[in-house]
Amino acid sequence: METGTEEKVTEIAEAEKLRIRKLDEFIPLGNDGFVNESNTFRWYRIRNKKDYHILNIAYRNTIREPSVYPELICVETVGQEAYQDDAYAYHLADCRKVTEDFWKQLGYQCTIQKE
């Protein structure tokens, strides 16, 4: 087994505990133009830096740290296997801002608040 493989297997198992399964394959809102509906989408509830570290190791250090906690993060994996290929993260706070900015450009005021 190559160096770091055991740690990654452990972190994947721990990341699965953070996963919000009911949101699997729910495509996040973004403005980068890279979202591809043929890829795999997994959502995670990140409560603190420890959770972030777990998720980041599971996805080979490709996840940007949230600016606030708690945060929901969607990870898009190229292809059909989570944790295996290139990954891109979408933070719920960013999705919210993209939505608000979109409506503002159309002349509407949009405020998104948690119920």
PDB file of N, CA and C in Angstrom:
ATOM      1  N   MET A   1       0.846  -1.176   0.000  1.00  0.00           N
ATOM      2  CA  MET A   1       0.000   0.000   0.000  1.00  0.00           C
ATOM      3  C   MET A   1       0.892   1.240   0.000  1.00  0.00           C
ATOM      4  N   GLU A   2       0.629   2.197  -0.876  1.00  0.00           N
ATOM      5  CA  GLU A   2       1.479   3.369  -0.974  1.00  0.00           C
ATOM      6  C   GLU A   2       1.258   4.307   0.208  1.00  0.00           C
ATOM      7  N   THR A   3       2.244   5.153   0.474  1.00  0.00           N
ATOM      8  CA  THR A   3       2.186   6.083   1.586  1.00  0.00           C
ATOM      9  C   THR A   3       0.965   6.987   1.448  1.00  0.00           C
ATOM     10  N   GLY A   4       0.235   7.148   2.550  1.00  0.00           N
ATOM     11  CA  GLY A   4      -0.938   8.015   2.559  1.00  0.00           C
ATOM     12  C   GLY A   4      -2.226   7.323   2.167  1.00  0.00           C
ATOM     13  N   THR A   5      -2.142   6.117   1.605  1.00  0.00           N
ATOM     14  CA  THR A   5      -3.347   5.418   1.169  1.00  0.00           C
ATOM     15  C   THR A   5      -4.222   5.038   2.355  1.00  0.00           C
ATOM     16  N   GLU A   6      -3.617   4.558   3.425  1.00  0.00           N
ATOM     17  CA  GLU A   6      -4.389   4.199   4.623  1.00  0.00           C
ATOM     18  C   GLU A   6      -5.095   5.418   5.194  1.00  0.00           C
ATOM     19  N   GLU A   7      -4.389   6.552   5.248  1.00  0.00           N
ATOM     20  CA  GLU A   7      -5.006   7.775   5.760  1.00  0.00           C
ATOM     21  C   GLU A   7      -6.194   8.163   4.893  1.00  0.00           C
ATOM     22  N   LYS A   8      -6.051   8.056   3.570  1.00  0.00           N
ATOM     23  CA  LYS A   8      -7.144   8.438   2.673  1.00  0.00           C
ATOM     24  C   LYS A   8      -8.349   7.519   2.863  1.00  0.00           C
ATOM     25  N   VAL A   9      -8.122   6.215   3.012  1.00  0.00           N
ATOM     26  CA  VAL A   9      -9.228   5.270   3.230  1.00  0.00           C
ATOM     27  C   VAL A   9      -9.967   5.633   4.510  1.00  0.00           C
ATOM     28  N   THR A  10      -9.218   5.961   5.554  1.00  0.00           N
ATOM     29  CA  THR A  10      -9.828   6.356   6.823  1.00  0.00           C
ATOM     30  C   THR A  10     -10.611   7.645   6.660  1.00  0.00           C
ATOM     31  N   GLU A  11     -10.047   8.622   5.965  1.00  0.00           N
ATOM     32  CA  GLU A  11     -10.720   9.902   5.775  1.00  0.00           C
ATOM     33  C   GLU A  11     -11.966   9.763   4.902  1.00  0.00           C
ATOM     34  N   ILE A  12     -11.950   8.885   3.923  1.00  0.00           N
ATOM     35  CA  ILE A  12     -13.153   8.648   3.115  1.00  0.00           C
ATOM     36  C   ILE A  12     -14.260   8.089   3.999  1.00  0.00           C
ATOM     37  N   ALA A  13     -13.934   7.138   4.853  1.00  0.00           N
ATOM     38  CA  ALA A  13     -14.934   6.571   5.764  1.00  0.00           C
ATOM     39  C   ALA A  13     -15.493   7.662   6.680  1.00  0.00           C
ATOM     40  N   GLU A  14     -14.620   8.547   7.150  1.00  0.00           N
ATOM     41  CA  GLU A  14     -15.066   9.649   8.009  1.00  0.00           C
ATOM     42  C   GLU A  14     -15.866  10.675   7.208  1.00  0.00           C
ATOM     43  N   ALA A  15     -15.476  10.951   5.981  1.00  0.00           N
ATOM     44  CA  ALA A  15     -16.205  11.895   5.130  1.00  0.00           C
ATOM     45  C   ALA A  15     -17.612  11.387   4.856  1.00  0.00           C
ATOM     46  N   GLU A  16     -17.766  10.094   4.716  1.00  0.00           N
ATOM     47  CA  GLU A  16     -19.093   9.517   4.482  1.00  0.00           C
ATOM     48  C   GLU A  16     -20.041   9.812   5.640  1.00  0.00           C
ATOM     49  N   LYS A  17     -19.516   9.982   6.833  1.00  0.00           N
ATOM     50  CA  LYS A  17     -20.340  10.332   7.998  1.00  0.00           C
ATOM     51  C   LYS A  17     -20.826  11.773   7.913  1.00  0.00           C
ATOM     52  N   LEU A  18     -20.146  12.619   7.149  1.00  0.00           N
ATOM     53  CA  LEU A  18     -20.519  14.023   6.973  1.00  0.00           C
ATOM     54  C   LEU A  18     -21.478  14.228   5.794  1.00  0.00           C
ATOM     55  N   ARG A  19     -21.623  13.206   4.989  1.00  0.00           N
ATOM     56  CA  ARG A  19     -22.389  13.290   3.740  1.00  0.00           C
ATOM     57  C   ARG A  19     -23.882  13.446   4.013  1.00  0.00           C
ATOM     58  N   ILE A  20     -24.540  14.258   3.201  1.00  0.00           N
ATOM     59  CA  ILE A  20     -25.991  14.451   3.255  1.00  0.00           C
ATOM     60  C   ILE A  20     -26.563  13.678   2.065  1.00  0.00           C
ATOM     61  N   ARG A  21     -26.878  12.433   2.273  1.00  0.00           N
ATOM     62  CA  ARG A  21     -27.264  11.530   1.179  1.00  0.00           C
ATOM     63  C   ARG A  21     -28.504  11.984   0.407  1.00  0.00           C
ATOM     64  N   LYS A  22     -29.429  12.640   1.071  1.00  0.00           N
ATOM     65  CA  LYS A  22     -30.650  13.063   0.361  1.00  0.00           C
ATOM     66  C   LYS A  22     -30.358  14.128  -0.698  1.00  0.00           C
ATOM     67  N   LEU A  23     -29.180  14.736  -0.645  1.00  0.00           N
ATOM     68  CA  LEU A  23     -28.798  15.731  -1.650  1.00  0.00           C
ATOM     69  C   LEU A  23     -27.899  15.168  -2.740  1.00  0.00           C
ATOM     70  N   ASP A  24     -27.601  13.868  -2.701  1.00  0.00           N
ATOM     71  CA  ASP A  24     -26.771  13.259  -3.751  1.00  0.00           C
ATOM     72  C   ASP A  24     -27.310  13.629  -5.128  1.00  0.00           C
ATOM     73  N   GLU A  25     -26.402  14.016  -5.995  1.00  0.00           N
ATOM     74  CA  GLU A  25     -26.659  14.369  -7.394  1.00  0.00           C
ATOM     75  C   GLU A  25     -27.451  15.661  -7.556  1.00  0.00           C
ATOM     76  N   PHE A  26     -27.696  16.398  -6.473  1.00  0.00           N
ATOM     77  CA  PHE A  26     -28.317  17.714  -6.564  1.00  0.00           C
ATOM     78  C   PHE A  26     -27.235  18.686  -7.013  1.00  0.00           C
ATOM     79  N   ILE A  27     -27.413  19.295  -8.180  1.00  0.00           N
ATOM     80  CA  ILE A  27     -26.389  20.136  -8.802  1.00  0.00           C
ATOM     81  C   ILE A  27     -26.433  21.533  -8.182  1.00  0.00           C
ATOM     82  N   PRO A  28     -25.284  22.032  -7.693  1.00  0.00           N
ATOM     83  CA  PRO A  28     -25.247  23.345  -7.054  1.00  0.00           C
ATOM     84  C   PRO A  28     -25.346  24.480  -8.064  1.00  0.00           C
ATOM     85  N   LEU A  29     -25.750  25.645  -7.571  1.00  0.00           N
ATOM     86  CA  LEU A  29     -25.748  26.851  -8.391  1.00  0.00           C
ATOM     87  C   LEU A  29     -24.350  27.441  -8.380  1.00  0.00           C
ATOM     88  N   GLY A  30     -23.863  27.805  -9.537  1.00  0.00           N
ATOM     89  CA  GLY A  30     -22.539  28.400  -9.625  1.00  0.00           C
ATOM     90  C   GLY A  30     -22.475  29.322 -10.822  1.00  0.00           C
ATOM     91  N   ASN A  31     -21.380  30.066 -10.914  1.00  0.00           N
ATOM     92  CA  ASN A  31     -21.231  30.955 -12.063  1.00  0.00           C
ATOM     93  C   ASN A  31     -19.906  30.733 -12.777  1.00  0.00           C
ATOM     94  N   ASP A  32     -19.258  29.596 -12.501  1.00  0.00           N
ATOM     95  CA  ASP A  32     -17.956  29.349 -13.119  1.00  0.00           C
ATOM     96  C   ASP A  32     -18.068  28.647 -14.474  1.00  0.00           C
ATOM     97  N   GLY A  33     -19.233  28.133 -14.802  1.00  0.00           N
ATOM     98  CA  GLY A  33     -19.437  27.485 -16.090  1.00  0.00           C
ATOM     99  C   GLY A  33     -18.877  26.078 -16.186  1.00  0.00           C
ATOM    100  N   PHE A  34     -18.408  25.519 -15.062  1.00  0.00           N
ATOM    101  CA  PHE A  34     -17.780  24.207 -15.096  1.00  0.00           C
ATOM    102  C   PHE A  34     -18.675  23.073 -14.621  1.00  0.00           C
ATOM    103  N   VAL A  35     -19.825  23.373 -14.041  1.00  0.00           N
ATOM    104  CA  VAL A  35     -20.703  22.324 -13.537  1.00  0.00           C
ATOM    105  C   VAL A  35     -21.116  21.432 -14.700  1.00  0.00           C
ATOM    106  N   ASN A  36     -20.929  20.123 -14.535  1.00  0.00           N
ATOM    107  CA  ASN A  36     -21.230  19.158 -15.584  1.00  0.00           C
ATOM    108  C   ASN A  36     -22.181  18.109 -15.020  1.00  0.00           C
ATOM    109  N   GLU A  37     -23.401  18.083 -15.513  1.00  0.00           N
ATOM    110  CA  GLU A  37     -24.419  17.184 -14.974  1.00  0.00           C
ATOM    111  C   GLU A  37     -24.070  15.705 -15.124  1.00  0.00           C
ATOM    112  N   SER A  38     -23.079  15.372 -15.919  1.00  0.00           N
ATOM    113  CA  SER A  38     -22.661  13.976 -16.075  1.00  0.00           C
ATOM    114  C   SER A  38     -21.723  13.523 -14.956  1.00  0.00           C
ATOM    115  N   ASN A  39     -21.264  14.455 -14.142  1.00  0.00           N
ATOM    116  CA  ASN A  39     -20.350  14.126 -13.051  1.00  0.00           C
ATOM    117  C   ASN A  39     -21.109  13.682 -11.809  1.00  0.00           C
ATOM    118  N   THR A  40     -20.378  13.383 -10.756  1.00  0.00           N
ATOM    119  CA  THR A  40     -20.953  12.932  -9.495  1.00  0.00           C
ATOM    120  C   THR A  40     -20.957  14.090  -8.506  1.00  0.00           C
ATOM    121  N   PHE A  41     -22.082  14.280  -7.810  1.00  0.00           N
ATOM    122  CA  PHE A  41     -22.221  15.363  -6.840  1.00  0.00           C
ATOM    123  C   PHE A  41     -22.565  14.797  -5.476  1.00  0.00           C
ATOM    124  N   ARG A  42     -21.779  15.201  -4.455  1.00  0.00           N
ATOM    125  CA  ARG A  42     -22.004  14.786  -3.076  1.00  0.00           C
ATOM    126  C   ARG A  42     -21.969  16.025  -2.188  1.00  0.00           C
ATOM    127  N   TRP A  43     -22.926  16.127  -1.276  1.00  0.00           N
ATOM    128  CA  TRP A  43     -23.016  17.245  -0.340  1.00  0.00           C
ATOM    129  C   TRP A  43     -22.585  16.797   1.049  1.00  0.00           C
ATOM    130  N   TYR A  44     -21.890  17.696   1.757  1.00  0.00           N
ATOM    131  CA  TYR A  44     -21.363  17.392   3.093  1.00  0.00           C
ATOM    132  C   TYR A  44     -21.661  18.551   4.042  1.00  0.00           C
ATOM    133  N   ARG A  45     -21.968  18.207   5.285  1.00  0.00           N
ATOM    134  CA  ARG A  45     -22.151  19.202   6.335  1.00  0.00           C
ATOM    135  C   ARG A  45     -20.827  19.322   7.088  1.00  0.00           C
ATOM    136  N   ILE A  46     -20.199  20.484   6.994  1.00  0.00           N
ATOM    137  CA  ILE A  46     -18.904  20.732   7.613  1.00  0.00           C
ATOM    138  C   ILE A  46     -19.134  21.653   8.810  1.00  0.00           C
ATOM    139  N   ARG A  47     -18.908  21.126  10.001  1.00  0.00           N
ATOM    140  CA  ARG A  47     -19.177  21.890  11.228  1.00  0.00           C
ATOM    141  C   ARG A  47     -17.980  22.683  11.729  1.00  0.00           C
ATOM    142  N   ASN A  48     -16.760  22.220  11.406  1.00  0.00           N
ATOM    143  CA  ASN A  48     -15.567  22.836  11.987  1.00  0.00           C
ATOM    144  C   ASN A  48     -14.326  22.462  11.154  1.00  0.00           C
ATOM    145  N   LYS A  49     -13.157  22.925  11.605  1.00  0.00           N
ATOM    146  CA  LYS A  49     -11.910  22.667  10.874  1.00  0.00           C
ATOM    147  C   LYS A  49     -11.587  21.174  10.802  1.00  0.00           C
ATOM    148  N   LYS A  50     -11.943  20.426  11.817  1.00  0.00           N
ATOM    149  CA  LYS A  50     -11.694  18.982  11.798  1.00  0.00           C
ATOM    150  C   LYS A  50     -12.470  18.328  10.660  1.00  0.00           C
ATOM    151  N   ASP A  51     -13.750  18.670  10.527  1.00  0.00           N
ATOM    152  CA  ASP A  51     -14.556  18.134   9.423  1.00  0.00           C
ATOM    153  C   ASP A  51     -13.971  18.537   8.078  1.00  0.00           C
ATOM    154  N   TYR A  52     -13.556  19.794   7.981  1.00  0.00           N
ATOM    155  CA  TYR A  52     -12.944  20.268   6.733  1.00  0.00           C
ATOM    156  C   TYR A  52     -11.702  19.437   6.394  1.00  0.00           C
ATOM    157  N   HIS A  53     -10.862  19.211   7.375  1.00  0.00           N
ATOM    158  CA  HIS A  53      -9.635  18.438   7.144  1.00  0.00           C
ATOM    159  C   HIS A  53      -9.973  17.029   6.636  1.00  0.00           C
ATOM    160  N   ILE A  54     -10.961  16.400   7.236  1.00  0.00           N
ATOM    161  CA  ILE A  54     -11.392  15.058   6.814  1.00  0.00           C
ATOM    162  C   ILE A  54     -11.802  15.078   5.342  1.00  0.00           C
ATOM    163  N   LEU A  55     -12.661  16.020   4.979  1.00  0.00           N
ATOM    164  CA  LEU A  55     -13.156  16.099   3.603  1.00  0.00           C
ATOM    165  C   LEU A  55     -12.024  16.421   2.629  1.00  0.00           C
ATOM    166  N   ASN A  56     -11.163  17.323   3.009  1.00  0.00           N
ATOM    167  CA  ASN A  56     -10.064  17.737   2.139  1.00  0.00           C
ATOM    168  C   ASN A  56      -9.107  16.576   1.863  1.00  0.00           C
ATOM    169  N   ILE A  57      -8.755  15.797   2.868  1.00  0.00           N
ATOM    170  CA  ILE A  57      -7.876  14.638   2.660  1.00  0.00           C
ATOM    171  C   ILE A  57      -8.579  13.604   1.771  1.00  0.00           C
ATOM    172  N   ALA A  58      -9.864  13.381   2.019  1.00  0.00           N
ATOM    173  CA  ALA A  58     -10.618  12.396   1.222  1.00  0.00           C
ATOM    174  C   ALA A  58     -10.612  12.761  -0.261  1.00  0.00           C
ATOM    175  N   TYR A  59     -10.608  14.069  -0.549  1.00  0.00           N
ATOM    176  CA  TYR A  59     -10.599  14.532  -1.939  1.00  0.00           C
ATOM    177  C   TYR A  59      -9.224  15.059  -2.362  1.00  0.00           C
ATOM    178  N   ARG A  60      -8.176  14.488  -1.825  1.00  0.00           N
ATOM    179  CA  ARG A  60      -6.786  14.751  -2.234  1.00  0.00           C
ATOM    180  C   ARG A  60      -6.399  16.229  -2.184  1.00  0.00           C
ATOM    181  N   ASN A  61      -6.795  16.891  -1.096  1.00  0.00           N
ATOM    182  CA  ASN A  61      -6.402  18.287  -0.848  1.00  0.00           C
ATOM    183  C   ASN A  61      -6.837  19.246  -1.951  1.00  0.00           C
ATOM    184  N   THR A  62      -8.052  19.068  -2.459  1.00  0.00           N
ATOM    185  CA  THR A  62      -8.563  19.949  -3.518  1.00  0.00           C
ATOM    186  C   THR A  62      -9.702  20.857  -3.040  1.00  0.00           C
ATOM    187  N   ILE A  63     -10.070  20.757  -1.777  1.00  0.00           N
ATOM    188  CA  ILE A  63     -11.220  21.500  -1.267  1.00  0.00           C
ATOM    189  C   ILE A  63     -10.762  22.780  -0.569  1.00  0.00           C
ATOM    190  N   ARG A  64     -11.302  23.900  -0.976  1.00  0.00           N
ATOM    191  CA  ARG A  64     -10.997  25.191  -0.345  1.00  0.00           C
ATOM    192  C   ARG A  64     -11.675  25.248   1.023  1.00  0.00           C
ATOM    193  N   GLU A  65     -10.948  25.786   2.006  1.00  0.00           N
ATOM    194  CA  GLU A  65     -11.508  25.877   3.359  1.00  0.00           C
ATOM    195  C   GLU A  65     -12.630  26.904   3.395  1.00  0.00           C
ATOM    196  N   PRO A  66     -13.715  26.587   4.095  1.00  0.00           N
ATOM    197  CA  PRO A  66     -14.811  27.555   4.224  1.00  0.00           C
ATOM    198  C   PRO A  66     -14.355  28.801   4.986  1.00  0.00           C
ATOM    199  N   SER A  67     -14.958  29.932   4.668  1.00  0.00           N
ATOM    200  CA  SER A  67     -14.641  31.157   5.398  1.00  0.00           C
ATOM    201  C   SER A  67     -15.429  31.236   6.699  1.00  0.00           C
ATOM    202  N   VAL A  68     -16.520  30.464   6.781  1.00  0.00           N
ATOM    203  CA  VAL A  68     -17.325  30.390   8.008  1.00  0.00           C
ATOM    204  C   VAL A  68     -17.722  28.936   8.254  1.00  0.00           C
ATOM    205  N   TYR A  69     -17.960  28.626   9.504  1.00  0.00           N
ATOM    206  CA  TYR A  69     -18.483  27.310   9.904  1.00  0.00           C
ATOM    207  C   TYR A  69     -19.756  27.548  10.694  1.00  0.00           C
ATOM    208  N   PRO A  70     -20.735  26.685  10.611  1.00  0.00           N
ATOM    209  CA  PRO A  70     -20.803  25.506   9.745  1.00  0.00           C
ATOM    210  C   PRO A  70     -21.039  25.920   8.298  1.00  0.00           C
ATOM    211  N   GLU A  71     -20.783  24.979   7.384  1.00  0.00           N
ATOM    212  CA  GLU A  71     -20.969  25.215   5.949  1.00  0.00           C
ATOM    213  C   GLU A  71     -21.380  23.914   5.284  1.00  0.00           C
ATOM    214  N   LEU A  72     -22.181  24.034   4.235  1.00  0.00           N
ATOM    215  CA  LEU A  72     -22.486  22.889   3.387  1.00  0.00           C
ATOM    216  C   LEU A  72     -21.599  23.013   2.162  1.00  0.00           C
ATOM    217  N   ILE A  73     -20.959  21.903   1.804  1.00  0.00           N
ATOM    218  CA  ILE A  73     -20.070  21.882   0.647  1.00  0.00           C
ATOM    219  C   ILE A  73     -20.509  20.769  -0.289  1.00  0.00           C
ATOM    220  N   CYS A  74     -20.654  21.115  -1.556  1.00  0.00           N
ATOM    221  CA  CYS A  74     -20.927  20.120  -2.584  1.00  0.00           C
ATOM    222  C   CYS A  74     -19.627  19.853  -3.322  1.00  0.00           C
ATOM    223  N   VAL A  75     -19.294  18.582  -3.475  1.00  0.00           N
ATOM    224  CA  VAL A  75     -18.097  18.216  -4.226  1.00  0.00           C
ATOM    225  C   VAL A  75     -18.528  17.524  -5.509  1.00  0.00           C
ATOM    226  N   GLU A  76     -18.100  18.103  -6.616  1.00  0.00           N
ATOM    227  CA  GLU A  76     -18.336  17.533  -7.940  1.00  0.00           C
ATOM    228  C   GLU A  76     -17.093  16.745  -8.324  1.00  0.00           C
ATOM    229  N   THR A  77     -17.273  15.470  -8.606  1.00  0.00           N
ATOM    230  CA  THR A  77     -16.165  14.624  -9.028  1.00  0.00           C
ATOM    231  C   THR A  77     -16.344  14.293 -10.500  1.00  0.00           C
ATOM    232  N   VAL A  78     -15.291  14.489 -11.272  1.00  0.00           N
ATOM    233  CA  VAL A  78     -15.331  14.159 -12.696  1.00  0.00           C
ATOM    234  C   VAL A  78     -15.522  12.650 -12.808  1.00  0.00           C
ATOM    235  N   GLY A  79     -16.531  12.238 -13.544  1.00  0.00           N
ATOM    236  CA  GLY A  79     -16.807  10.815 -13.690  1.00  0.00           C
ATOM    237  C   GLY A  79     -17.852  10.335 -12.698  1.00  0.00           C
ATOM    238  N   GLN A  80     -17.938   9.050 -12.526  1.00  0.00           N
ATOM    239  CA  GLN A  80     -19.013   8.441 -11.744  1.00  0.00           C
ATOM    240  C   GLN A  80     -18.604   7.945 -10.363  1.00  0.00           C
ATOM    241  N   GLU A  81     -17.365   8.145  -9.967  1.00  0.00           N
ATOM    242  CA  GLU A  81     -16.895   7.663  -8.669  1.00  0.00           C
ATOM    243  C   GLU A  81     -16.426   8.815  -7.798  1.00  0.00           C
ATOM    244  N   ALA A  82     -17.136   9.059  -6.704  1.00  0.00           N
ATOM    245  CA  ALA A  82     -16.697  10.081  -5.751  1.00  0.00           C
ATOM    246  C   ALA A  82     -15.349   9.682  -5.176  1.00  0.00           C
ATOM    247  N   TYR A  83     -14.538  10.649  -4.841  1.00  0.00           N
ATOM    248  CA  TYR A  83     -13.216  10.489  -4.217  1.00  0.00           C
ATOM    249  C   TYR A  83     -12.130   9.991  -5.173  1.00  0.00           C
ATOM    250  N   GLN A  84     -12.441   9.654  -6.424  1.00  0.00           N
ATOM    251  CA  GLN A  84     -11.460   9.006  -7.283  1.00  0.00           C
ATOM    252  C   GLN A  84     -10.776   9.925  -8.289  1.00  0.00           C
ATOM    253  N   ASP A  85     -11.497  10.850  -8.857  1.00  0.00           N
ATOM    254  CA  ASP A  85     -10.940  11.659  -9.935  1.00  0.00           C
ATOM    255  C   ASP A  85     -10.847  13.126  -9.518  1.00  0.00           C
ATOM    256  N   ASP A  86     -10.616  14.005 -10.480  1.00  0.00           N
ATOM    257  CA  ASP A  86     -10.564  15.436 -10.183  1.00  0.00           C
ATOM    258  C   ASP A  86     -11.851  15.874  -9.504  1.00  0.00           C
ATOM    259  N   ALA A  87     -11.718  16.790  -8.540  1.00  0.00           N
ATOM    260  CA  ALA A  87     -12.876  17.234  -7.777  1.00  0.00           C
ATOM    261  C   ALA A  87     -12.905  18.754  -7.691  1.00  0.00           C
ATOM    262  N   TYR A  88     -14.120  19.287  -7.631  1.00  0.00           N
ATOM    263  CA  TYR A  88     -14.353  20.719  -7.502  1.00  0.00           C
ATOM    264  C   TYR A  88     -15.379  20.922  -6.401  1.00  0.00           C
ATOM    265  N   ALA A  89     -15.158  21.932  -5.562  1.00  0.00           N
ATOM    266  CA  ALA A  89     -16.066  22.162  -4.435  1.00  0.00           C
ATOM    267  C   ALA A  89     -16.893  23.423  -4.637  1.00  0.00           C
ATOM    268  N   TYR A  90     -18.122  23.363  -4.181  1.00  0.00           N
ATOM    269  CA  TYR A  90     -19.041  24.495  -4.195  1.00  0.00           C
ATOM    270  C   TYR A  90     -19.537  24.691  -2.769  1.00  0.00           C
ATOM    271  N   HIS A  91     -19.354  25.890  -2.240  1.00  0.00           N
ATOM    272  CA  HIS A  91     -19.789  26.202  -0.884  1.00  0.00           C
ATOM    273  C   HIS A  91     -21.176  26.824  -0.954  1.00  0.00           C
ATOM    274  N   LEU A  92     -22.036  26.444  -0.029  1.00  0.00           N
ATOM    275  CA  LEU A  92     -23.399  26.957  -0.036  1.00  0.00           C
ATOM    276  C   LEU A  92     -23.414  28.487   0.064  1.00  0.00           C
ATOM    277  N   ALA A  93     -22.510  29.071   0.841  1.00  0.00           N
ATOM    278  CA  ALA A  93     -22.446  30.535   0.951  1.00  0.00           C
ATOM    279  C   ALA A  93     -22.193  31.174  -0.419  1.00  0.00           C
ATOM    280  N   ASP A  94     -21.356  30.543  -1.234  1.00  0.00           N
ATOM    281  CA  ASP A  94     -21.088  31.054  -2.579  1.00  0.00           C
ATOM    282  C   ASP A  94     -22.313  30.897  -3.482  1.00  0.00           C
ATOM    283  N   CYS A  95     -23.006  29.771  -3.368  1.00  0.00           N
ATOM    284  CA  CYS A  95     -24.222  29.543  -4.163  1.00  0.00           C
ATOM    285  C   CYS A  95     -25.264  30.616  -3.839  1.00  0.00           C
ATOM    286  N   ARG A  96     -25.371  30.935  -2.570  1.00  0.00           N
ATOM    287  CA  ARG A  96     -26.318  31.968  -2.134  1.00  0.00           C
ATOM    288  C   ARG A  96     -25.955  33.318  -2.766  1.00  0.00           C
ATOM    289  N   LYS A  97     -24.686  33.684  -2.725  1.00  0.00           N
ATOM    290  CA  LYS A  97     -24.241  34.970  -3.286  1.00  0.00           C
ATOM    291  C   LYS A  97     -24.479  35.021  -4.791  1.00  0.00           C
ATOM    292  N   VAL A  98     -24.188  33.930  -5.497  1.00  0.00           N
ATOM    293  CA  VAL A  98     -24.412  33.878  -6.946  1.00  0.00           C
ATOM    294  C   VAL A  98     -25.886  34.125  -7.261  1.00  0.00           C
ATOM    295  N   THR A  99     -26.763  33.517  -6.484  1.00  0.00           N
ATOM    296  CA  THR A  99     -28.202  33.681  -6.701  1.00  0.00           C
ATOM    297  C   THR A  99     -28.630  35.126  -6.458  1.00  0.00           C
ATOM    298  N   GLU A 100     -28.187  35.687  -5.337  1.00  0.00           N
ATOM    299  CA  GLU A 100     -28.547  37.071  -5.017  1.00  0.00           C
ATOM    300  C   GLU A 100     -28.015  38.032  -6.082  1.00  0.00           C
ATOM    301  N   ASP A 101     -26.772  37.835  -6.521  1.00  0.00           N
ATOM    302  CA  ASP A 101     -26.183  38.699  -7.552  1.00  0.00           C
ATOM    303  C   ASP A 101     -26.920  38.584  -8.885  1.00  0.00           C
ATOM    304  N   PHE A 102     -27.334  37.376  -9.238  1.00  0.00           N
ATOM    305  CA  PHE A 102     -28.071  37.156 -10.479  1.00  0.00           C
ATOM    306  C   PHE A 102     -29.348  37.995 -10.496  1.00  0.00           C
ATOM    307  N   TRP A 103     -30.146  37.888  -9.432  1.00  0.00           N
ATOM    308  CA  TRP A 103     -31.404  38.620  -9.377  1.00  0.00           C
ATOM    309  C   TRP A 103     -31.185  40.123  -9.291  1.00  0.00           C
ATOM    310  N   LYS A 104     -30.120  40.550  -8.627  1.00  0.00           N
ATOM    311  CA  LYS A 104     -29.801  41.979  -8.528  1.00  0.00           C
ATOM    312  C   LYS A 104     -29.521  42.560  -9.915  1.00  0.00           C
ATOM    313  N   GLN A 105     -28.805  41.810 -10.761  1.00  0.00           N
ATOM    314  CA  GLN A 105     -28.516  42.289 -12.115  1.00  0.00           C
ATOM    315  C   GLN A 105     -29.782  42.427 -12.953  1.00  0.00           C
ATOM    316  N   LEU A 106     -30.829  41.720 -12.587  1.00  0.00           N
ATOM    317  CA  LEU A 106     -32.107  41.823 -13.306  1.00  0.00           C
ATOM    318  C   LEU A 106     -33.030  42.874 -12.686  1.00  0.00           C
ATOM    319  N   GLY A 107     -32.515  43.569 -11.663  1.00  0.00           N
ATOM    320  CA  GLY A 107     -33.299  44.638 -11.056  1.00  0.00           C
ATOM    321  C   GLY A 107     -34.166  44.204  -9.888  1.00  0.00           C
ATOM    322  N   TYR A 108     -33.909  43.032  -9.332  1.00  0.00           N
ATOM    323  CA  TYR A 108     -34.686  42.537  -8.211  1.00  0.00           C
ATOM    324  C   TYR A 108     -33.829  42.496  -6.954  1.00  0.00           C
ATOM    325  N   GLN A 109     -34.491  42.669  -5.840  1.00  0.00           N
ATOM    326  CA  GLN A 109     -33.785  42.472  -4.576  1.00  0.00           C
ATOM    327  C   GLN A 109     -34.139  41.082  -4.086  1.00  0.00           C
ATOM    328  N   CYS A 110     -33.127  40.305  -3.826  1.00  0.00           N
ATOM    329  CA  CYS A 110     -33.324  38.927  -3.407  1.00  0.00           C
ATOM    330  C   CYS A 110     -32.519  38.701  -2.125  1.00  0.00           C
ATOM    331  N   THR A 111     -33.204  38.274  -1.094  1.00  0.00           N
ATOM    332  CA  THR A 111     -32.522  37.956   0.152  1.00  0.00           C
ATOM    333  C   THR A 111     -32.855  36.523   0.506  1.00  0.00           C
ATOM    334  N   ILE A 112     -31.836  35.715   0.679  1.00  0.00           N
ATOM    335  CA  ILE A 112     -32.031  34.318   1.026  1.00  0.00           C
ATOM    336  C   ILE A 112     -31.721  34.141   2.501  1.00  0.00           C
ATOM    337  N   GLN A 113     -32.711  33.652   3.231  1.00  0.00           N
ATOM    338  CA  GLN A 113     -32.559  33.437   4.663  1.00  0.00           C
ATOM    339  C   GLN A 113     -32.987  32.023   5.001  1.00  0.00           C
ATOM    340  N   LYS A 114     -32.338  31.445   6.002  1.00  0.00           N
ATOM    341  CA  LYS A 114     -32.711  30.113   6.465  1.00  0.00           C
ATOM    342  C   LYS A 114     -34.027  30.196   7.227  1.00  0.00           C
ATOM    343  N   GLU A 115     -34.930  29.255   6.947  1.00  0.00           N
ATOM    344  CA  GLU A 115     -36.239  29.221   7.633  1.00  0.00           C
ATOM    345  C   GLU A 115     -36.067  28.764   9.059  1.00  0.00           C
TER     346      GLU A 115
END
